[in-house]
């Protein structure tokens, strides 16, 4: 028990030391997430990562060891990156500088974890570590490209739904034309906020409720096309209601605040796939338990 407390104390101390030079960039990132929809998910990262480690605390207590070489290597990379960002700060745009500073902090924290608990445990918590990178606010040049991809993906998704339902539709980039209506998938309609929230939620669900690394990766990867599909579904539903039922749907509450409904649909799909993957894990575990008894019976 005392040995674990020593590991934990060193980890907390190293993590806290990094906050001395990095508290201002971290505060900037949290403020950005509070005022900007594109970064809302940042507010969830630290609480969710702490929750995962708390839920898996027994594995931490039973499998920890020092990982000095790997941990110090990561911490050195973080320190060099932070110094490089500091000395080049006048030649960097504010968003790029902030991203580099927060990235250095995250890598330092990961290195501290590896140093105090070992590479093996870090691999076991690989998806929690992946989650921590969500603290890094993406620079505008990267975020704009992601939004553009979500726009065009959403337009293609909606186009497919119109075509499947027999609605005449013409697509030109982010423009969709159906009878009596021409739609433009604007940046505000890219659903970047709900897409990032869906991805973060899926990472947490996969880490807590699945055991197989490849099944975790599969579930997390599924969140990306689902983000596009649910936004395409939203465009399709609003357009159909606006042209077939009431034009008010085009500017009403479903258009402005209906994102939560389609987020819930996507999340339901995630949990449906999760149930299938969990069933597969239970069947595999049951088979593994039966094998030794069958071998013993044969002897």
Protein backbone atom coordinates (compact mmCIF):
# COMPACT_ATOMS: atom_id res chain seq x y z
CA UNK A 1 0.00 0.00 0.00
CA UNK A 2 2.81 2.39 0.95
CA UNK A 3 4.64 1.54 -2.26
CA UNK A 4 1.58 2.46 -4.35
CA UNK A 5 1.19 5.71 -2.45
CA UNK A 6 4.80 6.58 -3.27
CA UNK A 7 4.17 6.01 -6.99
CA UNK A 8 0.97 8.03 -6.83
CA UNK A 9 2.61 10.89 -4.89
CA UNK A 10 5.43 11.17 -7.44
CA UNK A 11 2.92 11.18 -10.30
CA UNK A 12 0.76 13.90 -8.76
CA UNK A 13 3.85 15.97 -7.95
CA UNK A 14 5.20 15.73 -11.51
CA UNK A 15 1.77 16.54 -12.98
CA UNK A 16 1.46 19.55 -10.68
CA UNK A 17 4.98 20.80 -11.52
CA UNK A 18 3.98 21.03 -15.18
CA UNK A 19 1.13 23.37 -14.25
CA UNK A 20 3.52 26.02 -12.97
CA UNK A 21 4.57 27.14 -16.48
CA UNK A 22 1.46 25.81 -18.24
CA UNK A 23 -1.42 27.05 -16.11
CA UNK A 24 -2.03 30.05 -18.37
CA UNK A 25 -2.28 28.04 -21.65
CA UNK A 26 -4.52 25.50 -19.91
CA UNK A 27 -6.73 28.29 -18.60
CA UNK A 28 -6.87 29.76 -22.11
CA UNK A 29 -7.94 26.40 -23.54
CA UNK A 30 -10.69 26.01 -20.92
CA UNK A 31 -11.88 29.58 -21.56
CA UNK A 32 -11.90 28.90 -25.29
CA UNK A 33 -14.03 25.80 -24.75
CA UNK A 34 -16.47 27.80 -22.62
CA UNK A 35 -17.00 30.51 -25.24
CA UNK A 36 -16.60 28.59 -28.50
CA UNK A 37 -18.83 25.70 -29.58
CA UNK A 38 -16.06 24.07 -31.60
CA UNK A 39 -14.08 23.44 -28.41
CA UNK A 40 -16.84 22.58 -25.91
CA UNK A 41 -15.58 19.00 -25.54
CA UNK A 42 -12.38 20.24 -23.85
CA UNK A 43 -14.35 20.88 -20.65
CA UNK A 44 -15.14 17.15 -20.42
CA UNK A 45 -11.68 15.70 -20.98
CA UNK A 46 -10.08 15.94 -17.54
CA UNK A 47 -13.19 14.88 -15.55
CA UNK A 48 -13.79 11.91 -17.86
CA UNK A 49 -10.13 10.80 -17.80
CA UNK A 50 -10.17 10.99 -14.00
CA UNK A 51 -13.42 9.00 -13.91
CA UNK A 52 -11.97 6.23 -16.09
CA UNK A 53 -8.86 5.91 -13.92
CA UNK A 54 -11.07 5.86 -10.80
CA UNK A 55 -13.27 3.09 -12.24
CA UNK A 56 -10.17 1.10 -13.22
CA UNK A 57 -8.24 1.87 -10.03
CA UNK A 58 -7.92 -1.79 -9.06
CA UNK A 59 -5.88 -2.53 -12.18
CA UNK A 60 -3.66 0.46 -11.36
CA UNK A 61 -3.01 -0.88 -7.86
CA UNK A 62 -2.20 -4.39 -9.10
CA UNK A 63 -0.04 -3.71 -12.17
CA UNK A 64 2.08 -0.62 -11.52
CA UNK A 65 5.87 -0.42 -11.77
CA UNK A 66 8.43 2.25 -12.57
CA UNK A 67 9.01 3.07 -16.23
CA UNK A 68 11.92 5.46 -15.83
CA UNK A 69 13.47 5.37 -19.30
CA UNK A 70 10.21 5.63 -21.30
CA UNK A 71 8.71 8.18 -18.95
CA UNK A 72 11.75 10.45 -18.90
CA UNK A 73 11.99 10.25 -22.71
CA UNK A 74 8.40 11.48 -23.08
CA UNK A 75 8.91 14.18 -20.47
CA UNK A 76 12.06 15.35 -22.26
CA UNK A 77 10.12 15.60 -25.53
CA UNK A 78 7.45 17.63 -23.74
CA UNK A 79 10.03 19.97 -22.19
CA UNK A 80 11.86 20.51 -25.48
CA UNK A 81 8.53 21.18 -27.25
CA UNK A 82 7.50 23.70 -24.59
CA UNK A 83 10.83 25.56 -24.81
CA UNK A 84 10.68 25.54 -28.62
CA UNK A 85 7.15 26.97 -28.52
CA UNK A 86 8.28 29.65 -26.06
CA UNK A 87 11.30 30.78 -28.08
CA UNK A 88 9.33 30.73 -31.36
CA UNK A 89 6.23 32.37 -29.91
CA UNK A 90 6.66 35.60 -31.88
CA UNK A 91 6.66 33.74 -35.20
CA UNK A 92 3.61 31.60 -34.39
CA UNK A 93 -0.05 32.53 -34.58
CA UNK A 94 -1.80 32.57 -31.17
CA UNK A 95 -3.89 29.45 -31.91
CA UNK A 96 -0.84 27.43 -33.03
CA UNK A 97 1.14 28.58 -29.99
CA UNK A 98 -1.70 27.59 -27.64
CA UNK A 99 -2.02 24.17 -29.28
CA UNK A 100 1.74 23.50 -28.91
CA UNK A 101 1.78 24.63 -25.27
CA UNK A 102 -1.18 22.43 -24.28
CA UNK A 103 0.21 19.52 -26.31
CA UNK A 104 3.51 19.78 -24.39
CA UNK A 105 1.55 19.71 -21.12
CA UNK A 106 -0.40 16.60 -22.17
CA UNK A 107 2.77 14.76 -23.27
CA UNK A 108 4.42 15.68 -19.94
CA UNK A 109 1.44 14.24 -18.04
CA UNK A 110 1.57 11.06 -20.12
CA UNK A 111 5.32 10.77 -19.53
CA UNK A 112 4.75 11.23 -15.80
CA UNK A 113 2.18 8.44 -15.84
CA UNK A 114 4.53 6.12 -17.75
CA UNK A 115 7.40 6.92 -15.38
CA UNK A 116 5.36 6.23 -12.25
CA UNK A 117 3.20 3.30 -13.38
CA UNK A 118 5.10 1.73 -16.30
CA UNK A 119 4.62 1.30 -20.07
CA UNK A 120 2.46 -1.80 -19.58
CA UNK A 121 -0.15 0.05 -17.59
CA UNK A 122 0.07 2.97 -20.04
CA UNK A 123 -0.80 0.54 -22.86
CA UNK A 124 -3.74 -0.73 -20.81
CA UNK A 125 -4.93 2.88 -20.51
CA UNK A 126 -4.08 3.73 -24.12
CA UNK A 127 -7.58 4.96 -24.94
CA UNK A 128 -7.65 7.17 -21.85
CA UNK A 129 -4.32 8.60 -23.02
CA UNK A 130 -5.88 9.12 -26.45
CA UNK A 131 -8.69 11.00 -24.72
CA UNK A 132 -6.21 13.39 -23.09
CA UNK A 133 -5.14 14.69 -26.50
CA UNK A 134 -8.65 16.13 -26.73
CA UNK A 135 -7.41 18.86 -24.38
CA UNK A 136 -5.36 20.30 -27.22
CA UNK A 137 -7.34 23.06 -28.98
CA UNK A 138 -6.88 22.51 -32.69
CA UNK A 139 -5.42 25.49 -34.60
CA UNK A 140 -7.82 27.27 -36.91
CA UNK A 141 -6.19 25.96 -40.09
CA UNK A 142 -6.80 22.34 -38.98
CA UNK A 143 -10.23 23.00 -37.50
CA UNK A 144 -11.40 24.72 -40.70
CA UNK A 145 -10.41 21.68 -42.75
CA UNK A 146 -12.23 19.32 -40.39
CA UNK A 147 -15.34 21.48 -40.59
CA UNK A 148 -15.08 21.53 -44.39
CA UNK A 149 -14.87 17.72 -44.43
CA UNK A 150 -17.89 17.49 -42.14
CA UNK A 151 -19.79 19.89 -44.41
CA UNK A 152 -19.13 17.92 -47.57
CA UNK A 153 -19.67 14.60 -45.78
CA UNK A 154 -23.00 15.78 -44.42
CA UNK A 155 -24.04 16.97 -47.87
CA UNK A 156 -23.19 13.59 -49.39
CA UNK A 157 -25.01 11.79 -46.58
CA UNK A 158 -28.15 13.87 -47.07
CA UNK A 159 -27.86 13.39 -50.84
CA UNK A 160 -27.85 9.62 -50.32
CA UNK A 161 -30.96 9.75 -48.15
CA UNK A 162 -32.82 11.89 -50.69
CA UNK A 163 -31.82 9.49 -53.47
CA UNK A 164 -32.86 6.40 -51.47
CA UNK A 165 -36.25 7.95 -50.78
CA UNK A 166 -36.77 8.84 -54.44
CA UNK A 167 -36.56 12.61 -53.96
CA UNK A 168 -35.01 14.35 -57.01
CA UNK A 169 -31.79 15.94 -55.79
CA UNK A 170 -28.79 17.68 -57.30
CA UNK A 171 -25.60 18.18 -55.31
CA UNK A 172 -22.85 20.71 -55.98
CA UNK A 173 -20.34 20.67 -53.17
CA UNK A 174 -22.19 21.76 -50.04
CA UNK A 175 -25.26 22.82 -52.05
CA UNK A 176 -28.28 20.52 -52.33
CA UNK A 177 -31.25 21.26 -54.57
CA UNK A 178 -34.54 19.40 -54.21
CA UNK A 179 -37.96 20.46 -55.54
CA UNK A 180 -38.97 23.80 -53.98
CA UNK A 181 -35.81 24.11 -51.90
CA UNK A 182 -32.08 24.74 -52.25
CA UNK A 183 -29.96 23.97 -49.20
CA UNK A 184 -26.45 25.01 -48.28
CA UNK A 185 -24.62 23.10 -45.57
CA UNK A 186 -22.97 26.04 -43.82
CA UNK A 187 -20.10 25.87 -41.32
CA UNK A 188 -22.63 26.36 -38.54
CA UNK A 189 -24.43 23.26 -39.79
CA UNK A 190 -21.31 21.07 -39.88
CA UNK A 191 -22.18 19.67 -36.43
CA UNK A 192 -18.58 19.92 -35.23
CA UNK A 193 -19.70 20.33 -31.61
CA UNK A 194 -21.92 17.25 -31.45
CA UNK A 195 -19.41 15.27 -33.53
CA UNK A 196 -16.60 15.95 -31.06
CA UNK A 197 -18.91 15.17 -28.15
CA UNK A 198 -19.93 11.89 -29.79
CA UNK A 199 -16.29 10.94 -30.32
CA UNK A 200 -15.33 11.75 -26.72
CA UNK A 201 -18.36 9.87 -25.37
CA UNK A 202 -17.55 6.83 -27.51
CA UNK A 203 -13.93 6.77 -26.31
CA UNK A 204 -15.13 6.73 -22.69
CA UNK A 205 -17.77 4.06 -23.34
CA UNK A 206 -15.27 1.86 -25.21
CA UNK A 207 -12.62 2.20 -22.51
CA UNK A 208 -14.97 1.40 -19.63
CA UNK A 209 -17.22 -1.28 -21.15
CA UNK A 210 -14.98 -3.19 -23.58
CA UNK A 211 -11.82 -5.24 -23.01
CA UNK A 212 -10.49 -6.06 -26.47
CA UNK A 213 -8.28 -3.28 -27.91
CA UNK A 214 -9.43 -3.93 -31.49
CA UNK A 215 -13.08 -3.79 -30.46
CA UNK A 216 -12.45 -0.52 -28.65
CA UNK A 217 -10.79 0.85 -31.78
CA UNK A 218 -13.67 -0.40 -33.95
CA UNK A 219 -16.29 1.30 -31.79
CA UNK A 220 -14.34 4.57 -31.67
CA UNK A 221 -13.78 4.51 -35.44
CA UNK A 222 -17.53 4.02 -35.94
CA UNK A 223 -18.21 7.36 -34.23
CA UNK A 224 -16.69 9.27 -37.17
CA UNK A 225 -19.01 8.08 -39.99
CA UNK A 226 -21.92 8.16 -37.55
CA UNK A 227 -21.21 11.85 -36.89
CA UNK A 228 -21.51 12.54 -40.61
CA UNK A 229 -24.55 10.30 -41.05
CA UNK A 230 -26.51 11.83 -38.20
CA UNK A 231 -25.94 15.32 -39.58
CA UNK A 232 -27.04 14.17 -43.03
CA UNK A 233 -30.15 12.69 -41.42
CA UNK A 234 -30.84 16.00 -39.69
CA UNK A 235 -30.59 17.90 -43.01
CA UNK A 236 -32.82 15.34 -44.72
CA UNK A 237 -35.52 15.36 -42.03
CA UNK A 238 -35.69 19.16 -41.76
CA UNK A 239 -35.77 19.55 -45.55
CA UNK A 240 -38.54 16.97 -45.95
CA UNK A 241 -40.63 18.45 -43.14
CA UNK A 242 -40.06 21.96 -44.51
CA UNK A 243 -41.15 21.06 -48.05
CA UNK A 244 -43.84 18.45 -47.30
CA UNK A 245 -45.38 19.57 -43.99
CA UNK A 246 -44.63 23.15 -42.94
CA UNK A 247 -41.99 25.65 -44.13
CA UNK A 248 -41.59 26.70 -40.51
CA UNK A 249 -39.50 23.60 -39.87
CA UNK A 250 -36.72 25.15 -41.98
CA UNK A 251 -36.13 27.87 -39.38
CA UNK A 252 -37.89 26.43 -36.32
CA UNK A 253 -36.65 24.84 -33.10
CA UNK A 254 -35.82 21.54 -34.80
CA UNK A 255 -33.36 23.40 -37.02
CA UNK A 256 -31.87 25.51 -34.23
CA UNK A 257 -31.95 23.13 -31.26
CA UNK A 258 -32.68 19.71 -32.68
CA UNK A 259 -29.07 18.58 -32.63
CA UNK A 260 -29.58 16.77 -29.33
CA UNK A 261 -32.22 14.52 -30.91
CA UNK A 262 -29.92 13.38 -33.72
CA UNK A 263 -27.01 13.08 -31.30
CA UNK A 264 -29.20 10.70 -29.27
CA UNK A 265 -29.92 8.66 -32.41
CA UNK A 266 -26.20 8.33 -33.16
CA UNK A 267 -25.47 7.45 -29.53
CA UNK A 268 -28.17 4.77 -29.66
CA UNK A 269 -26.39 3.25 -32.66
CA UNK A 270 -23.12 3.30 -30.69
CA UNK A 271 -24.73 1.44 -27.80
CA UNK A 272 -26.36 -1.06 -30.17
CA UNK A 273 -22.96 -1.92 -31.66
CA UNK A 274 -21.50 -1.95 -28.14
CA UNK A 275 -24.06 -4.57 -27.10
CA UNK A 276 -23.03 -6.79 -30.02
CA UNK A 277 -19.33 -6.39 -29.21
CA UNK A 278 -19.93 -7.11 -25.52
CA UNK A 279 -21.86 -10.24 -26.41
CA UNK A 280 -18.93 -11.39 -28.52
CA UNK A 281 -16.55 -10.80 -25.61
CA UNK A 282 -18.79 -12.76 -23.24
CA UNK A 283 -18.98 -15.67 -25.69
CA UNK A 284 -15.19 -15.66 -26.11
CA UNK A 285 -14.66 -15.57 -22.35
CA UNK A 286 -17.15 -18.43 -21.89
CA UNK A 287 -15.36 -20.51 -24.54
CA UNK A 288 -12.00 -19.88 -22.88
CA UNK A 289 -13.41 -21.04 -19.54
CA UNK A 290 -14.84 -24.21 -21.07
CA UNK A 291 -11.65 -25.28 -22.87
CA UNK A 292 -9.60 -26.40 -19.83
CA UNK A 293 -12.50 -28.45 -18.44
CA UNK A 294 -12.97 -30.15 -21.80
CA UNK A 295 -9.27 -30.98 -21.95
CA UNK A 296 -9.36 -32.36 -18.41
CA UNK A 297 -12.34 -34.54 -19.27
CA UNK A 298 -10.48 -35.96 -22.25
CA UNK A 299 -7.54 -36.90 -20.02
